[in-house]
N, C-alpha and C. Protein backbone atom coordinates (compact mmCIF):
# COMPACT_ATOMS: atom_id res chain seq x y z
N MET A 1 135.43 79.59 120.29
CA MET A 1 134.43 78.58 120.03
C MET A 1 134.72 77.37 120.93
N THR A 2 133.69 76.84 121.52
CA THR A 2 133.86 75.68 122.38
C THR A 2 133.86 74.41 121.53
N SER A 3 134.28 73.34 122.14
CA SER A 3 134.50 72.10 121.40
C SER A 3 133.23 71.25 121.27
N PHE A 4 133.32 70.30 120.36
CA PHE A 4 132.25 69.33 120.16
C PHE A 4 132.00 68.58 121.47
N ALA A 5 133.07 68.17 122.13
CA ALA A 5 132.95 67.39 123.37
C ALA A 5 132.23 68.19 124.46
N THR A 6 132.51 69.48 124.56
CA THR A 6 131.85 70.31 125.56
C THR A 6 130.34 70.34 125.34
N HIS A 7 129.93 70.54 124.10
CA HIS A 7 128.50 70.61 123.80
C HIS A 7 127.85 69.23 123.92
N ARG A 8 128.60 68.20 123.63
CA ARG A 8 128.07 66.84 123.82
C ARG A 8 127.74 66.62 125.30
N LEU A 9 128.63 67.06 126.18
CA LEU A 9 128.37 66.93 127.62
C LEU A 9 127.16 67.77 128.04
N ARG A 10 126.97 68.91 127.41
CA ARG A 10 125.82 69.75 127.73
C ARG A 10 124.51 69.07 127.32
N VAL A 11 124.54 68.32 126.23
CA VAL A 11 123.34 67.57 125.83
C VAL A 11 123.03 66.51 126.87
N HIS A 12 124.05 65.89 127.43
CA HIS A 12 123.87 64.85 128.44
C HIS A 12 123.41 65.40 129.80
N ASP A 13 123.63 66.67 130.06
CA ASP A 13 123.33 67.28 131.35
C ASP A 13 121.82 67.45 131.53
N THR A 14 121.22 66.56 132.31
CA THR A 14 119.76 66.60 132.50
C THR A 14 119.31 67.75 133.38
N ALA A 15 120.24 68.43 134.06
CA ALA A 15 119.87 69.59 134.87
C ALA A 15 119.55 70.81 133.99
N ARG A 16 120.00 70.78 132.76
CA ARG A 16 119.72 71.89 131.84
C ARG A 16 118.31 71.76 131.28
N PRO A 17 117.70 72.88 130.94
CA PRO A 17 116.39 72.82 130.28
C PRO A 17 116.52 72.14 128.92
N ALA A 18 115.44 71.53 128.48
CA ALA A 18 115.45 70.77 127.23
C ALA A 18 115.83 71.64 126.03
N HIS A 19 115.34 72.87 125.99
CA HIS A 19 115.67 73.73 124.85
C HIS A 19 117.15 74.09 124.81
N ARG A 20 117.80 74.18 125.98
CA ARG A 20 119.24 74.43 126.02
C ARG A 20 120.03 73.21 125.55
N ARG A 21 119.53 72.04 125.90
CA ARG A 21 120.18 70.81 125.46
C ARG A 21 120.05 70.66 123.94
N LEU A 22 118.90 71.03 123.39
CA LEU A 22 118.71 71.01 121.94
C LEU A 22 119.66 72.00 121.27
N SER A 23 119.83 73.15 121.87
CA SER A 23 120.75 74.15 121.34
C SER A 23 122.19 73.60 121.34
N ALA A 24 122.56 72.87 122.37
CA ALA A 24 123.89 72.27 122.42
C ALA A 24 124.05 71.22 121.31
N LEU A 25 123.00 70.46 121.04
CA LEU A 25 123.04 69.49 119.93
C LEU A 25 123.25 70.21 118.61
N ARG A 26 122.54 71.30 118.41
CA ARG A 26 122.70 72.07 117.17
C ARG A 26 124.11 72.64 117.03
N THR A 27 124.71 73.03 118.15
CA THR A 27 126.08 73.53 118.09
C THR A 27 127.03 72.39 117.71
N CYS A 28 126.77 71.19 118.19
CA CYS A 28 127.56 70.03 117.75
C CYS A 28 127.46 69.87 116.24
N LEU A 29 126.29 70.12 115.71
CA LEU A 29 126.08 69.99 114.27
C LEU A 29 126.84 71.05 113.48
N THR A 30 127.09 72.21 114.07
CA THR A 30 127.87 73.21 113.34
C THR A 30 129.32 72.78 113.21
N GLN A 31 129.75 71.87 114.09
CA GLN A 31 131.14 71.42 114.05
C GLN A 31 131.32 70.12 113.29
N PHE A 32 130.28 69.34 113.15
CA PHE A 32 130.34 68.10 112.37
C PHE A 32 128.96 67.78 111.84
N ALA A 33 128.79 67.92 110.56
CA ALA A 33 127.52 67.63 109.89
C ALA A 33 127.84 66.93 108.58
N PRO A 34 127.92 65.60 108.59
CA PRO A 34 128.38 64.88 107.39
C PRO A 34 127.48 65.05 106.17
N TYR A 35 126.19 65.30 106.35
CA TYR A 35 125.29 65.46 105.21
C TYR A 35 124.95 66.92 104.96
N GLY A 36 125.55 67.82 105.69
CA GLY A 36 125.13 69.21 105.69
C GLY A 36 124.29 69.43 106.94
N LEU A 37 124.20 70.67 107.37
CA LEU A 37 123.58 70.96 108.66
C LEU A 37 122.12 70.51 108.74
N ARG A 38 121.30 70.95 107.81
CA ARG A 38 119.87 70.64 107.90
C ARG A 38 119.57 69.17 107.67
N ALA A 39 120.26 68.56 106.70
CA ALA A 39 120.00 67.14 106.41
C ALA A 39 120.45 66.27 107.58
N THR A 40 121.59 66.59 108.19
CA THR A 40 122.07 65.81 109.33
C THR A 40 121.12 65.98 110.52
N TYR A 41 120.67 67.21 110.76
CA TYR A 41 119.74 67.45 111.86
C TYR A 41 118.45 66.67 111.65
N ASP A 42 117.92 66.70 110.45
CA ASP A 42 116.70 65.96 110.14
C ASP A 42 116.91 64.46 110.34
N HIS A 43 118.05 63.96 109.87
CA HIS A 43 118.35 62.53 110.03
C HIS A 43 118.40 62.16 111.51
N LEU A 44 119.09 62.96 112.31
CA LEU A 44 119.21 62.65 113.74
C LEU A 44 117.86 62.71 114.44
N CYS A 45 117.06 63.69 114.10
CA CYS A 45 115.73 63.80 114.72
C CYS A 45 114.86 62.59 114.40
N ARG A 46 114.96 62.11 113.16
CA ARG A 46 114.16 60.94 112.77
C ARG A 46 114.70 59.65 113.39
N SER A 47 116.01 59.46 113.32
CA SER A 47 116.57 58.20 113.82
C SER A 47 116.52 58.09 115.34
N ALA A 48 116.67 59.22 116.05
CA ALA A 48 116.62 59.19 117.51
C ALA A 48 115.20 59.39 118.03
N GLY A 49 114.28 59.75 117.15
CA GLY A 49 112.90 59.94 117.57
C GLY A 49 112.71 61.17 118.44
N VAL A 50 113.35 62.27 118.08
CA VAL A 50 113.22 63.50 118.86
C VAL A 50 111.81 64.05 118.66
N PRO A 51 111.03 64.15 119.74
CA PRO A 51 109.66 64.65 119.61
C PRO A 51 109.63 66.17 119.50
N VAL A 52 108.50 66.70 119.07
CA VAL A 52 108.33 68.16 118.98
C VAL A 52 108.41 68.75 120.38
N ARG A 53 107.73 68.12 121.31
CA ARG A 53 107.81 68.55 122.71
C ARG A 53 108.91 67.74 123.37
N LEU A 54 110.03 68.35 123.63
CA LEU A 54 111.21 67.65 124.12
C LEU A 54 111.01 67.00 125.48
N GLU A 55 110.08 67.51 126.27
CA GLU A 55 109.83 66.95 127.60
C GLU A 55 109.24 65.54 127.53
N GLU A 56 108.64 65.18 126.38
CA GLU A 56 108.02 63.86 126.25
C GLU A 56 109.06 62.74 126.22
N ASP A 57 110.24 63.00 125.68
CA ASP A 57 111.29 61.99 125.60
C ASP A 57 112.65 62.66 125.77
N PRO A 58 113.07 62.91 127.01
CA PRO A 58 114.33 63.60 127.23
C PRO A 58 115.55 62.79 126.77
N GLY A 59 115.43 61.50 126.65
CA GLY A 59 116.55 60.67 126.22
C GLY A 59 116.82 60.74 124.72
N ALA A 60 115.89 61.32 123.97
CA ALA A 60 116.04 61.39 122.52
C ALA A 60 117.23 62.25 122.12
N LEU A 61 117.45 63.33 122.84
CA LEU A 61 118.59 64.20 122.52
C LEU A 61 119.91 63.48 122.77
N VAL A 62 119.96 62.69 123.81
CA VAL A 62 121.17 61.92 124.11
C VAL A 62 121.41 60.89 123.01
N ARG A 63 120.36 60.22 122.57
CA ARG A 63 120.52 59.24 121.48
C ARG A 63 121.03 59.93 120.21
N ALA A 64 120.49 61.11 119.93
CA ALA A 64 120.90 61.84 118.73
C ALA A 64 122.37 62.26 118.80
N VAL A 65 122.78 62.82 119.92
CA VAL A 65 124.16 63.28 120.02
C VAL A 65 125.13 62.10 120.04
N GLU A 66 124.72 60.98 120.59
CA GLU A 66 125.60 59.81 120.60
C GLU A 66 125.75 59.22 119.20
N GLU A 67 124.69 59.25 118.41
CA GLU A 67 124.81 58.81 117.02
C GLU A 67 125.75 59.72 116.25
N LEU A 68 125.62 61.02 116.47
CA LEU A 68 126.51 61.97 115.82
C LEU A 68 127.95 61.77 116.28
N HIS A 69 128.14 61.54 117.56
CA HIS A 69 129.48 61.31 118.11
C HIS A 69 130.11 60.05 117.51
N ALA A 70 129.34 58.99 117.37
CA ALA A 70 129.87 57.75 116.80
C ALA A 70 130.31 57.97 115.34
N ALA A 71 129.51 58.70 114.58
CA ALA A 71 129.87 59.00 113.19
C ALA A 71 131.12 59.86 113.14
N ARG A 72 131.23 60.80 114.06
CA ARG A 72 132.40 61.69 114.09
C ARG A 72 133.67 60.91 114.44
N GLU A 73 133.56 59.97 115.35
CA GLU A 73 134.74 59.17 115.72
C GLU A 73 135.22 58.33 114.55
N ILE A 74 134.30 57.76 113.78
CA ILE A 74 134.67 57.00 112.58
C ILE A 74 135.37 57.91 111.59
N TRP A 75 134.81 59.10 111.38
CA TRP A 75 135.40 60.05 110.44
C TRP A 75 136.78 60.48 110.91
N ARG A 76 136.93 60.74 112.21
CA ARG A 76 138.24 61.16 112.73
C ARG A 76 139.28 60.08 112.56
N ALA A 77 138.91 58.82 112.75
CA ALA A 77 139.85 57.71 112.56
C ALA A 77 140.27 57.62 111.10
N GLU A 78 139.31 57.74 110.19
CA GLU A 78 139.64 57.71 108.76
C GLU A 78 140.51 58.89 108.37
N GLN A 79 140.22 60.05 108.92
CA GLN A 79 141.01 61.25 108.63
C GLN A 79 142.44 61.10 109.14
N ALA A 80 142.60 60.54 110.33
CA ALA A 80 143.94 60.35 110.89
C ALA A 80 144.73 59.35 110.04
N ALA A 81 144.08 58.29 109.58
CA ALA A 81 144.76 57.31 108.73
C ALA A 81 145.18 57.94 107.41
N TRP A 82 144.31 58.75 106.82
CA TRP A 82 144.65 59.42 105.57
C TRP A 82 145.83 60.38 105.77
N GLU A 83 145.80 61.12 106.88
CA GLU A 83 146.88 62.06 107.15
C GLU A 83 148.21 61.33 107.32
N ALA A 84 148.18 60.19 107.98
CA ALA A 84 149.42 59.42 108.17
C ALA A 84 149.94 58.91 106.82
N ARG A 85 149.04 58.38 105.98
CA ARG A 85 149.47 57.93 104.64
C ARG A 85 150.02 59.08 103.82
N ARG A 86 149.36 60.20 103.89
CA ARG A 86 149.79 61.36 103.10
C ARG A 86 151.14 61.89 103.59
N ARG A 87 151.37 61.86 104.89
CA ARG A 87 152.64 62.30 105.45
C ARG A 87 153.78 61.42 104.94
N VAL A 88 153.54 60.11 104.87
CA VAL A 88 154.54 59.19 104.34
C VAL A 88 154.80 59.47 102.87
N GLN A 89 153.73 59.67 102.10
CA GLN A 89 153.88 59.97 100.68
C GLN A 89 154.69 61.25 100.47
N LYS A 90 154.41 62.27 101.23
CA LYS A 90 155.15 63.51 101.08
C LYS A 90 156.61 63.33 101.49
N GLY A 91 156.84 62.52 102.51
CA GLY A 91 158.21 62.24 102.92
C GLY A 91 158.99 61.52 101.84
N GLU A 92 158.32 60.70 101.05
CA GLU A 92 158.96 59.99 99.95
C GLU A 92 159.08 60.87 98.71
N GLY A 93 158.53 62.07 98.77
CA GLY A 93 158.61 62.98 97.65
C GLY A 93 157.53 62.78 96.61
N ARG A 94 156.52 61.97 96.92
CA ARG A 94 155.42 61.75 95.97
C ARG A 94 154.37 62.83 96.15
N ARG A 95 153.96 63.39 95.04
CA ARG A 95 152.90 64.39 95.05
C ARG A 95 151.79 63.88 94.16
N SER A 96 150.58 64.12 94.55
CA SER A 96 149.47 63.68 93.71
C SER A 96 148.71 64.91 93.24
N ARG A 97 148.31 64.86 91.99
CA ARG A 97 147.50 65.93 91.46
C ARG A 97 146.05 65.69 91.82
N ARG A 98 145.30 66.73 91.85
CA ARG A 98 143.88 66.59 92.14
C ARG A 98 143.19 65.84 91.01
N ALA A 99 142.11 65.16 91.35
CA ALA A 99 141.39 64.36 90.36
C ALA A 99 140.88 65.22 89.20
N CYS A 100 140.55 66.47 89.46
CA CYS A 100 140.02 67.33 88.41
C CYS A 100 141.07 67.61 87.34
N CYS A 101 142.33 67.50 87.69
CA CYS A 101 143.40 67.82 86.73
C CYS A 101 143.88 66.60 85.96
N ARG A 102 143.41 65.43 86.30
CA ARG A 102 143.88 64.22 85.63
C ARG A 102 143.27 64.04 84.25
N ALA A 103 142.05 64.51 84.07
CA ALA A 103 141.38 64.36 82.77
C ALA A 103 141.98 65.37 81.79
N PRO A 104 142.22 64.94 80.55
CA PRO A 104 142.78 65.89 79.58
C PRO A 104 141.77 66.99 79.26
N ILE A 105 142.25 68.21 79.24
CA ILE A 105 141.42 69.36 78.95
C ILE A 105 142.01 70.04 77.72
N PRO A 106 141.17 70.40 76.76
CA PRO A 106 141.70 71.12 75.59
C PRO A 106 142.46 72.37 76.03
N SER A 107 143.57 72.65 75.38
CA SER A 107 144.43 73.76 75.80
C SER A 107 143.72 75.10 75.73
N SER A 108 142.73 75.24 74.88
CA SER A 108 142.05 76.53 74.77
C SER A 108 141.18 76.82 75.99
N THR A 109 140.74 75.78 76.71
CA THR A 109 139.89 75.99 77.88
C THR A 109 140.59 75.59 79.17
N ARG A 110 141.86 75.24 79.12
CA ARG A 110 142.58 74.78 80.29
C ARG A 110 142.80 75.92 81.29
N PRO A 111 142.41 75.70 82.55
CA PRO A 111 142.65 76.75 83.54
C PRO A 111 144.13 76.80 83.91
N ASN A 112 144.55 77.89 84.50
CA ASN A 112 145.94 78.02 84.93
C ASN A 112 146.26 77.11 86.10
N ARG A 113 145.27 76.77 86.87
CA ARG A 113 145.47 75.88 88.01
C ARG A 113 144.17 75.13 88.27
N CYS A 114 144.23 74.15 89.15
CA CYS A 114 143.02 73.39 89.52
C CYS A 114 142.10 74.27 90.34
N PRO A 115 140.81 74.13 90.18
CA PRO A 115 139.89 74.90 91.04
C PRO A 115 139.96 74.36 92.45
N PRO A 116 139.68 75.19 93.45
CA PRO A 116 139.76 74.73 94.85
C PRO A 116 138.72 73.71 95.18
């Protein structure tokens, strides 16, 4: 599987046909879709103004992929910060239970472990 960055560059490549650039945008969505694939695609099409006929506004795909890229960079920064905090916690020997296991559950219905 190719990377998000590779497909982002393909969206920017104006030498490619518009339908191929749209396909590259959709592949970016398979790798990062914060609202789910269809909802994120719909949001990007509306916010970037992607027309039905892609030839009418070739810059719309670039605007859409750049919005997605900006959201992904924010998410990656937050994820890296969380991973660093968690690494420190594990190094200190602190373990946290999942939120689903914190609420008291009657023993008759208590699962053997937390659901995934």
